[in-house]
C-alpha atoms as a PDB file:
ATOM      1  CA  MET A   1      62.337 115.288  74.536  1.00  0.00           C
ATOM      2  CA  ALA A   2      60.524 118.416  75.905  1.00  0.00           C
ATOM      3  CA  ILE A   3      63.952 119.834  77.169  1.00  0.00           C
ATOM      4  CA  GLY A   4      65.492 119.820  73.848  1.00  0.00           C
ATOM      5  CA  LEU A   5      62.691 120.866  72.305  1.00  0.00           C
ATOM      6  CA  CYS A   6      63.105 124.092  74.923  1.00  0.00           C
ATOM      7  CA  VAL A   7      66.651 124.586  73.912  1.00  0.00           C
ATOM      8  CA  GLY A   8      66.201 124.186  70.002  1.00  0.00           C
ATOM      9  CA  VAL A   9      63.435 127.380  70.335  1.00  0.00           C
ATOM     10  CA  PHE A  10      65.870 129.518  72.624  1.00  0.00           C
ATOM     11  CA  LEU A  11      68.767 128.837  70.081  1.00  0.00           C
ATOM     12  CA  ALA A  12      66.831 129.371  66.854  1.00  0.00           C
ATOM     13  CA  HIS A  13      65.421 132.580  68.864  1.00  0.00           C
ATOM     14  CA  ALA A  14      68.990 133.474  69.788  1.00  0.00           C
ATOM     15  CA  GLY A  15      69.901 133.280  66.470  1.00  0.00           C
ATOM     16  CA  ALA A  16      67.194 135.122  64.985  1.00  0.00           C
ATOM     17  CA  ALA A  17      68.028 138.126  63.115  1.00  0.00           C
ATOM     18  CA  ASP A  18      67.175 141.480  64.606  1.00  0.00           C
ATOM     19  CA  LEU A  19      66.614 145.060  63.007  1.00  0.00           C
ATOM     20  CA  LEU A  20      70.734 145.814  62.919  1.00  0.00           C
ATOM     21  CA  ASP A  21      71.179 142.591  61.058  1.00  0.00           C
ATOM     22  CA  LYS A  22      68.326 143.330  58.825  1.00  0.00           C
ATOM     23  CA  VAL A  23      69.725 146.508  57.658  1.00  0.00           C
ATOM     24  CA  LYS A  24      73.195 145.540  57.190  1.00  0.00           C
ATOM     25  CA  GLU A  25      71.906 142.391  54.684  1.00  0.00           C
ATOM     26  CA  LYS A  26      69.512 144.763  52.777  1.00  0.00           C
ATOM     27  CA  LYS A  27      72.423 147.742  52.804  1.00  0.00           C
ATOM     28  CA  LEU A  28      69.340 150.006  53.479  1.00  0.00           C
ATOM     29  CA  LEU A  29      68.659 152.260  56.741  1.00  0.00           C
ATOM     30  CA  THR A  30      65.039 154.310  56.413  1.00  0.00           C
ATOM     31  CA  LEU A  31      65.302 157.026  58.519  1.00  0.00           C
ATOM     32  CA  GLY A  32      62.698 159.672  59.736  1.00  0.00           C
ATOM     33  CA  THR A  33      63.663 163.361  59.409  1.00  0.00           C
ATOM     34  CA  GLU A  34      61.963 167.046  59.726  1.00  0.00           C
ATOM     35  CA  ALA A  35      63.815 168.788  57.547  1.00  0.00           C
ATOM     36  CA  GLN A  36      62.648 172.344  58.612  1.00  0.00           C
ATOM     37  CA  PHE A  37      64.279 172.560  61.847  1.00  0.00           C
ATOM     38  CA  ALA A  38      67.879 174.806  60.819  1.00  0.00           C
ATOM     39  CA  PRO A  39      70.397 174.582  61.819  1.00  0.00           C
ATOM     40  CA  PHE A  40      69.891 170.764  63.272  1.00  0.00           C
ATOM     41  CA  GLU A  41      68.199 169.890  59.698  1.00  0.00           C
ATOM     42  CA  SER A  42      66.992 171.972  56.542  1.00  0.00           C
ATOM     43  CA  MET A  43      66.970 171.569  52.972  1.00  0.00           C
ATOM     44  CA  GLU A  44      69.320 173.065  50.718  1.00  0.00           C
ATOM     45  CA  ASN A  45      69.361 172.472  46.722  1.00  0.00           C
ATOM     46  CA  GLY A  46      67.059 169.308  47.169  1.00  0.00           C
ATOM     47  CA  LYS A  47      69.421 167.262  49.858  1.00  0.00           C
ATOM     48  CA  ILE A  48      68.858 167.724  53.866  1.00  0.00           C
ATOM     49  CA  VAL A  49      71.806 169.177  55.260  1.00  0.00           C
ATOM     50  CA  GLY A  50      72.782 170.668  59.051  1.00  0.00           C
ATOM     51  CA  TYR A  51      74.025 169.305  62.019  1.00  0.00           C
ATOM     52  CA  SER A  52      72.581 166.495  62.157  1.00  0.00           C
ATOM     53  CA  THR A  53      73.281 165.135  58.479  1.00  0.00           C
ATOM     54  CA  ASP A  54      77.257 165.768  59.539  1.00  0.00           C
ATOM     55  CA  LEU A  55      76.663 164.096  62.539  1.00  0.00           C
ATOM     56  CA  LEU A  56      74.786 160.998  61.135  1.00  0.00           C
ATOM     57  CA  ALA A  57      77.683 160.935  58.474  1.00  0.00           C
ATOM     58  CA  LEU A  58      80.056 159.682  61.448  1.00  0.00           C
ATOM     59  CA  VAL A  59      77.693 157.480  62.755  1.00  0.00           C
ATOM     60  CA  MET A  60      77.189 155.604  59.438  1.00  0.00           C
ATOM     61  CA  GLN A  61      80.937 154.975  59.350  1.00  0.00           C
ATOM     62  CA  ASP A  62      80.183 152.145  61.667  1.00  0.00           C
ATOM     63  CA  LEU A  63      77.781 150.836  58.826  1.00  0.00           C
ATOM     64  CA  PRO A  64      79.835 150.368  55.863  1.00  0.00           C
ATOM     65  CA  GLY A  65      77.990 149.767  52.744  1.00  0.00           C
ATOM     66  CA  VAL A  66      74.620 150.688  53.968  1.00  0.00           C
ATOM     67  CA  LYS A  67      72.753 153.515  52.668  1.00  0.00           C
ATOM     68  CA  ALA A  68      70.708 155.995  54.691  1.00  0.00           C
ATOM     69  CA  ASP A  69      67.597 156.848  53.141  1.00  0.00           C
ATOM     70  CA  ARG A  70      66.117 159.746  55.016  1.00  0.00           C
ATOM     71  CA  LYS A  71      62.088 160.796  54.840  1.00  0.00           C
ATOM     72  CA  ASP A  72      60.967 164.451  55.569  1.00  0.00           C
ATOM     73  CA  VAL A  73      58.044 164.395  56.826  1.00  0.00           C
ATOM     74  CA  PRO A  74      56.412 166.818  59.437  1.00  0.00           C
ATOM     75  CA  PHE A  75      57.527 166.644  63.034  1.00  0.00           C
ATOM     76  CA  GLN A  76      54.133 165.961  64.218  1.00  0.00           C
ATOM     77  CA  ALA A  77      54.486 162.521  62.063  1.00  0.00           C
ATOM     78  CA  ILE A  78      57.904 161.414  63.439  1.00  0.00           C
ATOM     79  CA  LEU A  79      56.889 159.882  66.611  1.00  0.00           C
ATOM     80  CA  PRO A  80      54.189 157.981  65.155  1.00  0.00           C
ATOM     81  CA  GLY A  81      55.630 156.859  61.769  1.00  0.00           C
ATOM     82  CA  LEU A  82      58.537 155.258  63.887  1.00  0.00           C
ATOM     83  CA  ALA A  83      55.679 153.389  66.280  1.00  0.00           C
ATOM     84  CA  ALA A  84      53.908 151.962  62.739  1.00  0.00           C
ATOM     85  CA  ARG A  85      57.113 150.864  61.445  1.00  0.00           C
ATOM     86  CA  LYS A  86      57.533 153.311  58.538  1.00  0.00           C
ATOM     87  CA  PHE A  87      60.949 154.046  59.587  1.00  0.00           C
ATOM     88  CA  ASP A  88      63.587 151.912  60.992  1.00  0.00           C
ATOM     89  CA  PHE A  89      64.831 155.237  63.171  1.00  0.00           C
ATOM     90  CA  ILE A  90      64.566 158.797  64.015  1.00  0.00           C
ATOM     91  CA  VAL A  91      67.415 161.105  63.172  1.00  0.00           C
ATOM     92  CA  THR A  92      65.969 164.736  63.609  1.00  0.00           C
ATOM     93  CA  SER A  93      66.224 166.902  67.038  1.00  0.00           C
ATOM     94  CA  VAL A  94      63.568 165.148  69.438  1.00  0.00           C
ATOM     95  CA  THR A  95      63.403 166.558  72.707  1.00  0.00           C
ATOM     96  CA  VAL A  96      63.551 163.972  75.479  1.00  0.00           C
ATOM     97  CA  THR A  97      60.708 164.396  77.832  1.00  0.00           C
ATOM     98  CA  LYS A  98      59.153 161.840  80.439  1.00  0.00           C
ATOM     99  CA  GLU A  99      56.172 160.452  78.107  1.00  0.00           C
ATOM    100  CA  ARG A 100      58.532 159.928  75.265  1.00  0.00           C
ATOM    101  CA  ASP A 101      61.452 158.104  77.512  1.00  0.00           C
ATOM    102  CA  ASP A 102      58.699 155.804  78.483  1.00  0.00           C
ATOM    103  CA  LYS A 103      57.549 155.032  74.860  1.00  0.00           C
ATOM    104  CA  PHE A 104      60.493 154.926  72.848  1.00  0.00           C
ATOM    105  CA  ALA A 105      64.394 154.210  72.939  1.00  0.00           C
ATOM    106  CA  PHE A 106      66.486 157.370  73.297  1.00  0.00           C
ATOM    107  CA  THR A 107      70.444 157.459  72.095  1.00  0.00           C
ATOM    108  CA  LEU A 108      72.664 159.735  74.346  1.00  0.00           C
ATOM    109  CA  PRO A 109      71.837 163.202  73.672  1.00  0.00           C
ATOM    110  CA  ILE A 110      73.359 165.014  70.993  1.00  0.00           C
ATOM    111  CA  ALA A 111      72.783 168.815  71.797  1.00  0.00           C
ATOM    112  CA  GLU A 112      70.656 170.622  74.689  1.00  0.00           C
ATOM    113  CA  ALA A 113      67.512 171.863  73.866  1.00  0.00           C
ATOM    114  CA  THR A 114      66.472 173.763  76.980  1.00  0.00           C
ATOM    115  CA  VAL A 115      63.609 176.438  76.219  1.00  0.00           C
ATOM    116  CA  ALA A 116      63.774 180.119  76.011  1.00  0.00           C
ATOM    117  CA  VAL A 117      61.831 182.663  74.451  1.00  0.00           C
ATOM    118  CA  LEU A 118      62.094 184.679  71.335  1.00  0.00           C
ATOM    119  CA  LYS A 119      60.870 188.099  70.850  1.00  0.00           C
ATOM    120  CA  ARG A 120      61.055 191.128  68.034  1.00  0.00           C
ATOM    121  CA  SER A 121      63.728 193.088  68.912  1.00  0.00           C
ATOM    122  CA  ASP A 122      61.578 196.271  68.812  1.00  0.00           C
ATOM    123  CA  ASN A 123      59.505 194.749  71.542  1.00  0.00           C
ATOM    124  CA  ALA A 124      60.336 196.818  74.710  1.00  0.00           C
ATOM    125  CA  ALA A 125      57.322 195.571  76.003  1.00  0.00           C
ATOM    126  CA  VAL A 126      58.992 192.158  76.525  1.00  0.00           C
ATOM    127  CA  GLN A 127      61.886 192.081  78.973  1.00  0.00           C
ATOM    128  CA  LYS A 128      61.411 189.117  81.027  1.00  0.00           C
ATOM    129  CA  PRO A 129      59.587 186.016  80.699  1.00  0.00           C
ATOM    130  CA  ASP A 130      56.790 187.125  82.874  1.00  0.00           C
ATOM    131  CA  ASP A 131      56.102 190.752  80.554  1.00  0.00           C
ATOM    132  CA  LEU A 132      54.466 187.462  78.316  1.00  0.00           C
ATOM    133  CA  SER A 133      51.405 187.441  80.724  1.00  0.00           C
ATOM    134  CA  GLY A 134      48.577 188.882  78.477  1.00  0.00           C
ATOM    135  CA  LYS A 135      50.453 188.091  75.262  1.00  0.00           C
ATOM    136  CA  VAL A 136      50.693 185.787  72.149  1.00  0.00           C
ATOM    137  CA  VAL A 137      52.857 183.023  72.144  1.00  0.00           C
ATOM    138  CA  GLY A 138      53.339 180.093  69.330  1.00  0.00           C
ATOM    139  CA  SER A 139      55.332 177.044  68.848  1.00  0.00           C
ATOM    140  CA  GLN A 140      55.374 173.984  66.866  1.00  0.00           C
ATOM    141  CA  ALA A 141      52.387 171.575  67.438  1.00  0.00           C
ATOM    142  CA  GLY A 142      53.154 168.450  68.877  1.00  0.00           C
ATOM    143  CA  SER A 143      56.504 170.046  70.340  1.00  0.00           C
ATOM    144  CA  ALA A 144      58.024 170.047  73.729  1.00  0.00           C
ATOM    145  CA  GLN A 145      58.523 173.754  73.106  1.00  0.00           C
ATOM    146  CA  LEU A 146      54.627 174.244  73.044  1.00  0.00           C
ATOM    147  CA  LYS A 147      54.261 172.059  76.426  1.00  0.00           C
ATOM    148  CA  VAL A 148      57.030 174.604  78.148  1.00  0.00           C
ATOM    149  CA  ALA A 149      54.606 177.400  76.974  1.00  0.00           C
ATOM    150  CA  ARG A 150      51.630 175.701  78.221  1.00  0.00           C
ATOM    151  CA  GLU A 151      53.660 174.965  81.622  1.00  0.00           C
ATOM    152  CA  PHE A 152      54.560 178.698  81.628  1.00  0.00           C
ATOM    153  CA  ASP A 153      51.167 179.693  81.158  1.00  0.00           C
ATOM    154  CA  GLN A 154      50.191 177.822  83.987  1.00  0.00           C
ATOM    155  CA  LYS A 155      52.791 179.220  86.319  1.00  0.00           C
ATOM    156  CA  LEU A 156      52.048 182.554  85.285  1.00  0.00           C
ATOM    157  CA  LYS A 157      48.242 181.890  86.481  1.00  0.00           C
ATOM    158  CA  SER A 158      49.610 180.387  89.395  1.00  0.00           C
ATOM    159  CA  GLN A 159      51.519 183.475  90.720  1.00  0.00           C
ATOM    160  CA  GLY A 160      47.759 185.629  89.749  1.00  0.00           C
ATOM    161  CA  LYS A 161      48.662 186.940  86.606  1.00  0.00           C
ATOM    162  CA  PRO A 162      46.188 186.884  84.033  1.00  0.00           C
ATOM    163  CA  GLY A 163      48.798 184.121  82.085  1.00  0.00           C
ATOM    164  CA  LEU A 164      49.026 184.001  78.351  1.00  0.00           C
ATOM    165  CA  LYS A 165      46.566 185.328  76.116  1.00  0.00           C
ATOM    166  CA  GLU A 166      46.677 182.482  73.320  1.00  0.00           C
ATOM    167  CA  ILE A 167      48.810 179.741  72.504  1.00  0.00           C
ATOM    168  CA  ARG A 168      49.086 179.651  68.555  1.00  0.00           C
ATOM    169  CA  GLU A 169      50.240 176.102  67.099  1.00  0.00           C
ATOM    170  CA  TYR A 170      52.361 176.198  64.019  1.00  0.00           C
ATOM    171  CA  THR A 171      52.983 173.145  61.574  1.00  0.00           C
ATOM    172  CA  SER A 172      56.885 174.404  61.516  1.00  0.00           C
ATOM    173  CA  PHE A 173      58.860 176.838  63.824  1.00  0.00           C
ATOM    174  CA  ASP A 174      59.647 178.498  60.511  1.00  0.00           C
ATOM    175  CA  GLU A 175      56.076 179.907  60.029  1.00  0.00           C
ATOM    176  CA  ALA A 176      55.785 180.787  63.873  1.00  0.00           C
ATOM    177  CA  TYR A 177      59.201 183.049  63.437  1.00  0.00           C
ATOM    178  CA  ALA A 178      57.273 184.722  59.896  1.00  0.00           C
ATOM    179  CA  ASP A 179      54.306 185.385  62.252  1.00  0.00           C
ATOM    180  CA  LEU A 180      56.616 186.960  65.226  1.00  0.00           C
ATOM    181  CA  ALA A 181      58.682 189.133  62.603  1.00  0.00           C
ATOM    182  CA  ALA A 182      55.304 190.051  60.962  1.00  0.00           C
ATOM    183  CA  GLY A 183      53.588 191.361  64.618  1.00  0.00           C
ATOM    184  CA  ARG A 184      51.159 188.488  64.469  1.00  0.00           C
ATOM    185  CA  LEU A 185      52.801 186.799  67.316  1.00  0.00           C
ATOM    186  CA  ASP A 186      54.585 188.868  70.951  1.00  0.00           C
ATOM    187  CA  ALA A 187      56.971 185.463  71.326  1.00  0.00           C
ATOM    188  CA  VAL A 188      57.886 182.201  70.039  1.00  0.00           C
ATOM    189  CA  THR A 189      59.213 179.141  72.562  1.00  0.00           C
ATOM    190  CA  GLN A 190      62.336 177.497  71.331  1.00  0.00           C
ATOM    191  CA  SER A 191      65.354 175.849  72.060  1.00  0.00           C
ATOM    192  CA  LEU A 192      68.302 177.791  72.949  1.00  0.00           C
ATOM    193  CA  SER A 193      70.508 176.257  70.789  1.00  0.00           C
ATOM    194  CA  ASN A 194      68.006 176.873  67.937  1.00  0.00           C
ATOM    195  CA  LEU A 195      67.533 180.619  68.612  1.00  0.00           C
ATOM    196  CA  GLY A 196      71.201 181.424  68.786  1.00  0.00           C
ATOM    197  CA  PRO A 197      71.952 181.066  64.981  1.00  0.00           C
ATOM    198  CA  LEU A 198      68.657 182.511  64.137  1.00  0.00           C
ATOM    199  CA  VAL A 199      69.164 185.588  66.617  1.00  0.00           C
ATOM    200  CA  LYS A 200      72.833 185.737  65.197  1.00  0.00           C
ATOM    201  CA  ALA A 201      71.498 185.980  61.339  1.00  0.00           C
ATOM    202  CA  ARG A 202      68.756 188.672  62.349  1.00  0.00           C
ATOM    203  CA  PRO A 203      69.542 190.535  64.949  1.00  0.00           C
ATOM    204  CA  ASP A 204      67.716 193.771  63.787  1.00  0.00           C
ATOM    205  CA  VAL A 205      64.568 191.747  64.039  1.00  0.00           C
ATOM    206  CA  PHE A 206      64.710 189.055  66.678  1.00  0.00           C
ATOM    207  CA  SER A 207      66.358 188.668  70.102  1.00  0.00           C
ATOM    208  CA  VAL A 208      66.164 186.188  73.053  1.00  0.00           C
ATOM    209  CA  VAL A 209      64.507 187.081  76.558  1.00  0.00           C
ATOM    210  CA  GLN A 210      66.800 185.612  79.763  1.00  0.00           C
ATOM    211  CA  PRO A 211      66.389 183.436  81.326  1.00  0.00           C
ATOM    212  CA  ALA A 212      64.884 180.405  79.768  1.00  0.00           C
ATOM    213  CA  ILE A 213      61.443 179.398  81.025  1.00  0.00           C
ATOM    214  CA  GLY A 214      62.004 175.725  80.879  1.00  0.00           C
ATOM    215  CA  PRO A 215      64.045 173.201  82.697  1.00  0.00           C
ATOM    216  CA  LYS A 216      67.561 171.584  80.975  1.00  0.00           C
ATOM    217  CA  THR A 217      66.526 169.420  78.384  1.00  0.00           C
ATOM    218  CA  TYR A 218      68.635 167.453  75.690  1.00  0.00           C
ATOM    219  CA  TYR A 219      67.517 166.408  71.999  1.00  0.00           C
ATOM    220  CA  ALA A 220      68.624 162.952  70.850  1.00  0.00           C
ATOM    221  CA  TRP A 221      67.736 160.646  68.140  1.00  0.00           C
ATOM    222  CA  VAL A 222      65.149 157.749  68.988  1.00  0.00           C
ATOM    223  CA  GLY A 223      64.363 154.220  68.034  1.00  0.00           C
ATOM    224  CA  ARG A 224      61.743 151.649  69.041  1.00  0.00           C
ATOM    225  CA  LYS A 225      61.940 150.126  72.593  1.00  0.00           C
ATOM    226  CA  ASP A 226      61.912 146.782  71.830  1.00  0.00           C
ATOM    227  CA  ALA A 227      64.452 143.911  71.275  1.00  0.00           C
ATOM    228  CA  ASP A 228      64.769 144.116  67.997  1.00  0.00           C
ATOM    229  CA  SER A 229      65.866 147.531  67.614  1.00  0.00           C
ATOM    230  CA  ALA A 230      68.501 147.264  70.947  1.00  0.00           C
ATOM    231  CA  SER A 231      71.611 146.830  68.700  1.00  0.00           C
ATOM    232  CA  LEU A 232      70.643 149.598  66.360  1.00  0.00           C
ATOM    233  CA  VAL A 233      69.631 152.317  69.218  1.00  0.00           C
ATOM    234  CA  LYS A 234      73.305 151.039  70.645  1.00  0.00           C
ATOM    235  CA  LEU A 235      75.477 151.627  67.656  1.00  0.00           C
ATOM    236  CA  PHE A 236      73.432 154.912  67.250  1.00  0.00           C
ATOM    237  CA  SER A 237      74.473 156.203  71.045  1.00  0.00           C
ATOM    238  CA  ASP A 238      77.885 154.192  70.449  1.00  0.00           C
ATOM    239  CA  GLY A 239      78.655 156.530  67.234  1.00  0.00           C
ATOM    240  CA  ILE A 240      77.383 159.473  69.287  1.00  0.00           C
ATOM    241  CA  ALA A 241      79.452 158.994  72.231  1.00  0.00           C
ATOM    242  CA  LYS A 242      82.700 158.730  69.567  1.00  0.00           C
ATOM    243  CA  ALA A 243      82.058 161.800  68.327  1.00  0.00           C
ATOM    244  CA  ASN A 244      81.391 163.042  71.503  1.00  0.00           C
ATOM    245  CA  THR A 245      84.848 162.472  73.335  1.00  0.00           C
ATOM    246  CA  GLY A 246      86.411 162.745  70.180  1.00  0.00           C
ATOM    247  CA  GLY A 247      85.845 166.162  69.743  1.00  0.00           C
ATOM    248  CA  GLN A 248      84.120 165.912  66.690  1.00  0.00           C
ATOM    249  CA  MET A 249      80.673 166.819  68.018  1.00  0.00           C
ATOM    250  CA  SER A 250      82.228 170.417  69.665  1.00  0.00           C
ATOM    251  CA  GLN A 251      83.602 171.064  65.770  1.00  0.00           C
ATOM    252  CA  LEU A 252      80.227 170.251  64.537  1.00  0.00           C
ATOM    253  CA  GLN A 253      78.740 172.864  66.980  1.00  0.00           C
ATOM    254  CA  THR A 254      80.730 175.594  66.294  1.00  0.00           C
ATOM    255  CA  LYS A 255      80.098 175.188  62.695  1.00  0.00           C
ATOM    256  CA  TRP A 256      76.551 175.061  62.718  1.00  0.00           C
ATOM    257  CA  PHE A 257      75.389 177.053  66.169  1.00  0.00           C
ATOM    258  CA  GLY A 258      78.276 179.405  66.327  1.00  0.00           C
ATOM    259  CA  PHE A 259      78.963 178.147  70.074  1.00  0.00           C
ATOM    260  CA  THR A 260      79.280 174.495  71.509  1.00  0.00           C
ATOM    261  CA  MET A 261      77.140 172.724  74.158  1.00  0.00           C
ATOM    262  CA  SER A 262      78.416 170.744  76.689  1.00  0.00           C
ATOM    263  CA  VAL A 263      76.349 167.253  77.052  1.00  0.00           C
ATOM    264  CA  PRO A 264      76.781 164.166  79.105  1.00  0.00           C
ATOM    265  CA  ALA A 265      78.702 161.369  76.698  1.00  0.00           C
ATOM    266  CA  ASP A 266      78.232 158.259  78.983  1.00  0.00           C
ATOM    267  CA  HIS A 267      74.390 158.250  80.052  1.00  0.00           C
ATOM    268  CA  LEU A 268      71.258 160.456  79.004  1.00  0.00           C
ATOM    269  CA  PRO A 269      69.826 162.475  82.006  1.00  0.00           C
ATOM    270  CA  LYS A 270      66.676 161.916  83.375  1.00  0.00           C
ATOM    271  CA  PRO A 271      63.691 164.094  81.777  1.00  0.00           C
ATOM    272  CA  GLU A 272      62.603 166.860  84.167  1.00  0.00           C
ATOM    273  CA  MET A 273      59.448 167.802  82.159  1.00  0.00           C
END
């Protein structure tokens, strides 16, 4: 009798609907997005556009009849909102770090996120990253790019240099860019994939300092790390892999960044930071 009861409970559990089943049943997928991160995500005429929007459209082909409802929220609320189940999934550019990877389930990478330094083109005092010692640097609060700035500050100090004079935190990178252009910052730490299009559009204002200051990192989309979300995370990873190996990802990168990035289509590299 006890064995029969256990088998019954197991079968009931095995047949229970998971998050992907519920999404298909409701025909609605709720997504968290920060739409202030061009060219990945930004607002245009009241709609979220960008690289992630086009890539999402390809993945959603495997969810026919399901509507994607994207909630535009500040980046600082993205991961806490996912953990609190305010969204089913995150489709925004989240840098994969060790701390985040321990808590959340990442998809395959969608782009490279290696961090570099943006400066004003007329700032001759900053020719290489070490020239930032004694300078004011900005980045987005809660971002991996901010973490890299702090780690770079410690690296400078370990070499006997003064380190960064100040690290300022901003709600969005657009605010940091504005302060950099106005001379209120000496530099901004941001990923190369974001900086390329910005510098191309405004070469008279901005330029990138070489080399990059962070380890090779990647952007990915994010789900909760639990059994309920596993099949939804797999669906997204499978869709990203299909776009990568089929050439659509490279086409979208050329469209939105002006260059292509080689990212793995079969695994997510272990984060180095």
